[in-house]
Structures are given as structure tokens and as C-alpha cells.
Amino acid sequence: MYLMSVEELAEYLGESKRTIYRYIQSGDCPRYIRLTARNIKFDKRDVDAWLESKKVEPKQGRERQ
């Protein structure tokens, strides 16, 4: 198990810490472990699974005439 801090998760996703806290507040975030009220960790496997669940298949466009 590799645990990531909020800061590490933000860097991994290319987002700001503020954005990560918004994800947490909205409930749209990877599963996390709350060690204390101010210490949250994310298992990298859960983060990767969450990212996989966010994948969207592109729609096939109409052919140009």
C-alpha cells in the first residue's frame, strides 16, 4: 500500500490542494483514510481506480461531407 498525502495527490493529478479539498467536500474523490481530523491519506490504488472510473469514451463524430 502506498499512501499519498493531499499534497502528493494534488501533484499526481496536476491539481491544486484547494481542488482536492473541493473533491473531498463534494464526495467526488477517491476513497481515503482519515488518520486524524487533519491528516487524510489516499491509497494510490484507490486513486488509480477512481481515475479509471472517470474515463469517457469519445463519441464518434459524424462524417464530413
N, C-alpha and C. Protein backbone atom coordinates (compact mmCIF):
# COMPACT_ATOMS: atom_id res chain seq x y z
N MET A 1 0.85 -1.17 0.00
CA MET A 1 0.00 0.00 0.00
C MET A 1 0.89 1.23 0.00
N TYR A 2 0.65 2.13 -0.94
CA TYR A 2 1.38 3.39 -1.00
C TYR A 2 0.40 4.50 -0.68
N LEU A 3 0.60 5.19 0.44
CA LEU A 3 -0.29 6.25 0.85
C LEU A 3 0.22 7.60 0.39
N MET A 4 -0.71 8.40 -0.12
CA MET A 4 -0.38 9.73 -0.63
C MET A 4 -1.08 10.77 0.25
N SER A 5 -0.37 11.86 0.52
CA SER A 5 -0.97 12.98 1.24
C SER A 5 -1.81 13.80 0.25
N VAL A 6 -2.55 14.76 0.76
CA VAL A 6 -3.31 15.66 -0.11
C VAL A 6 -2.36 16.38 -1.06
N GLU A 7 -1.22 16.79 -0.55
CA GLU A 7 -0.24 17.48 -1.39
C GLU A 7 0.28 16.58 -2.50
N GLU A 8 0.58 15.32 -2.15
CA GLU A 8 1.08 14.38 -3.16
C GLU A 8 0.00 14.06 -4.19
N LEU A 9 -1.24 13.93 -3.72
CA LEU A 9 -2.35 13.66 -4.65
C LEU A 9 -2.53 14.83 -5.60
N ALA A 10 -2.47 16.04 -5.07
CA ALA A 10 -2.60 17.22 -5.93
C ALA A 10 -1.52 17.23 -7.01
N GLU A 11 -0.31 16.93 -6.62
CA GLU A 11 0.79 16.89 -7.59
C GLU A 11 0.57 15.78 -8.61
N TYR A 12 0.15 14.61 -8.13
CA TYR A 12 -0.09 13.45 -9.01
C TYR A 12 -1.15 13.77 -10.06
N LEU A 13 -2.20 14.49 -9.65
CA LEU A 13 -3.29 14.81 -10.56
C LEU A 13 -3.07 16.10 -11.33
N GLY A 14 -2.04 16.87 -10.94
CA GLY A 14 -1.81 18.15 -11.60
C GLY A 14 -2.86 19.18 -11.20
N GLU A 15 -3.34 19.09 -9.98
CA GLU A 15 -4.35 19.99 -9.46
C GLU A 15 -3.79 20.74 -8.25
N SER A 16 -4.57 21.68 -7.75
CA SER A 16 -4.17 22.38 -6.54
C SER A 16 -4.72 21.65 -5.32
N LYS A 17 -4.14 21.93 -4.15
CA LYS A 17 -4.66 21.34 -2.91
C LYS A 17 -6.10 21.78 -2.70
N ARG A 18 -6.39 23.02 -3.03
CA ARG A 18 -7.76 23.53 -2.88
C ARG A 18 -8.75 22.69 -3.69
N THR A 19 -8.37 22.32 -4.91
CA THR A 19 -9.23 21.49 -5.75
C THR A 19 -9.44 20.12 -5.10
N ILE A 20 -8.40 19.55 -4.54
CA ILE A 20 -8.53 18.25 -3.86
C ILE A 20 -9.51 18.36 -2.71
N TYR A 21 -9.42 19.42 -1.92
CA TYR A 21 -10.35 19.61 -0.80
C TYR A 21 -11.78 19.82 -1.32
N ARG A 22 -11.94 20.43 -2.48
CA ARG A 22 -13.28 20.57 -3.07
C ARG A 22 -13.81 19.20 -3.47
N TYR A 23 -12.96 18.36 -4.05
CA TYR A 23 -13.38 16.99 -4.39
C TYR A 23 -13.85 16.26 -3.14
N ILE A 24 -13.09 16.38 -2.07
CA ILE A 24 -13.44 15.71 -0.82
C ILE A 24 -14.78 16.22 -0.30
N GLN A 25 -14.95 17.53 -0.29
CA GLN A 25 -16.18 18.13 0.22
C GLN A 25 -17.40 17.71 -0.60
N SER A 26 -17.23 17.60 -1.90
CA SER A 26 -18.36 17.22 -2.77
C SER A 26 -18.63 15.72 -2.74
N GLY A 27 -17.67 14.94 -2.24
CA GLY A 27 -17.83 13.49 -2.23
C GLY A 27 -17.36 12.84 -3.52
N ASP A 28 -16.91 13.63 -4.47
CA ASP A 28 -16.42 13.10 -5.75
C ASP A 28 -14.90 13.02 -5.69
N CYS A 29 -14.42 12.01 -4.95
CA CYS A 29 -12.98 11.85 -4.77
C CYS A 29 -12.69 10.37 -4.57
N PRO A 30 -11.42 10.02 -4.66
CA PRO A 30 -11.04 8.63 -4.36
C PRO A 30 -11.31 8.32 -2.88
N ARG A 31 -11.48 7.05 -2.58
CA ARG A 31 -11.60 6.66 -1.18
C ARG A 31 -10.36 7.12 -0.44
N TYR A 32 -10.53 7.46 0.82
CA TYR A 32 -9.39 7.94 1.59
C TYR A 32 -9.43 7.39 3.01
N ILE A 33 -8.31 7.55 3.68
CA ILE A 33 -8.15 7.10 5.06
C ILE A 33 -7.98 8.36 5.90
N ARG A 34 -8.84 8.52 6.90
CA ARG A 34 -8.74 9.68 7.79
C ARG A 34 -8.03 9.22 9.05
N LEU A 35 -6.74 9.56 9.16
CA LEU A 35 -5.95 9.18 10.32
C LEU A 35 -6.28 10.06 11.52
N THR A 36 -6.43 11.34 11.27
CA THR A 36 -6.88 12.30 12.28
C THR A 36 -7.76 13.30 11.55
N ALA A 37 -8.30 14.25 12.29
CA ALA A 37 -9.17 15.25 11.68
C ALA A 37 -8.46 16.03 10.57
N ARG A 38 -7.16 16.18 10.70
CA ARG A 38 -6.41 16.98 9.72
C ARG A 38 -5.43 16.16 8.89
N ASN A 39 -5.46 14.86 9.03
CA ASN A 39 -4.50 14.01 8.32
C ASN A 39 -5.25 12.98 7.49
N ILE A 40 -5.33 13.25 6.18
CA ILE A 40 -6.02 12.38 5.23
C ILE A 40 -5.00 11.78 4.29
N LYS A 41 -5.13 10.48 4.04
CA LYS A 41 -4.22 9.79 3.12
C LYS A 41 -5.05 9.06 2.07
N PHE A 42 -4.48 8.94 0.90
CA PHE A 42 -5.10 8.24 -0.22
C PHE A 42 -4.22 7.08 -0.63
N ASP A 43 -4.81 5.91 -0.79
CA ASP A 43 -4.08 4.75 -1.31
C ASP A 43 -3.98 4.95 -2.83
N LYS A 44 -2.78 4.86 -3.36
CA LYS A 44 -2.58 5.10 -4.79
C LYS A 44 -3.43 4.17 -5.65
N ARG A 45 -3.66 2.95 -5.19
CA ARG A 45 -4.51 2.03 -5.95
C ARG A 45 -5.94 2.55 -6.06
N ASP A 46 -6.45 3.13 -4.95
CA ASP A 46 -7.80 3.71 -4.98
C ASP A 46 -7.85 4.93 -5.89
N VAL A 47 -6.79 5.71 -5.88
CA VAL A 47 -6.72 6.89 -6.76
C VAL A 47 -6.74 6.44 -8.21
N ASP A 48 -5.94 5.43 -8.55
CA ASP A 48 -5.90 4.95 -9.93
C ASP A 48 -7.24 4.35 -10.35
N ALA A 49 -7.92 3.63 -9.44
CA ALA A 49 -9.24 3.07 -9.74
C ALA A 49 -10.25 4.18 -9.96
N TRP A 50 -10.17 5.23 -9.15
CA TRP A 50 -11.07 6.38 -9.30
C TRP A 50 -10.85 7.05 -10.65
N LEU A 51 -9.58 7.20 -11.02
CA LEU A 51 -9.29 7.80 -12.32
C LEU A 51 -9.84 6.94 -13.46
N GLU A 52 -9.68 5.63 -13.35
CA GLU A 52 -10.22 4.72 -14.37
C GLU A 52 -11.73 4.89 -14.51
N SER A 53 -12.42 5.09 -13.38
CA SER A 53 -13.88 5.24 -13.41
C SER A 53 -14.29 6.55 -14.07
N LYS A 54 -13.38 7.48 -14.22
CA LYS A 54 -13.67 8.78 -14.81
C LYS A 54 -13.48 8.79 -16.33
N LYS A 55 -12.96 7.71 -16.87
CA LYS A 55 -12.71 7.67 -18.31
C LYS A 55 -14.02 7.76 -19.08
N VAL A 56 -13.97 8.50 -20.17
CA VAL A 56 -15.13 8.69 -21.03
C VAL A 56 -14.75 8.25 -22.43
N GLU A 57 -15.60 7.45 -23.03
CA GLU A 57 -15.38 7.04 -24.41
C GLU A 57 -15.80 8.19 -25.32
N PRO A 58 -14.94 8.58 -26.24
CA PRO A 58 -15.34 9.66 -27.15
C PRO A 58 -16.46 9.20 -28.08
N LYS A 59 -17.35 10.11 -28.36
CA LYS A 59 -18.44 9.80 -29.30
C LYS A 59 -17.87 9.87 -30.71
N GLN A 60 -18.38 9.00 -31.53
CA GLN A 60 -17.94 9.04 -32.93
C GLN A 60 -18.64 10.20 -33.61
N GLY A 61 -17.86 11.04 -34.22
CA GLY A 61 -18.42 12.20 -34.90
C GLY A 61 -19.05 11.81 -36.22
N ARG A 62 -19.86 12.70 -36.70
CA ARG A 62 -20.46 12.48 -38.00
C ARG A 62 -19.40 12.69 -39.07
N GLU A 63 -19.50 11.92 -40.10
CA GLU A 63 -18.55 12.08 -41.20
C GLU A 63 -18.85 13.37 -41.94
N ARG A 64 -17.80 14.08 -42.27
CA ARG A 64 -17.98 15.33 -43.02
C ARG A 64 -18.26 15.01 -44.48
N GLN A 65 -19.08 15.82 -45.04
CA GLN A 65 -19.45 15.58 -46.44
C GLN A 65 -18.78 16.58 -47.34
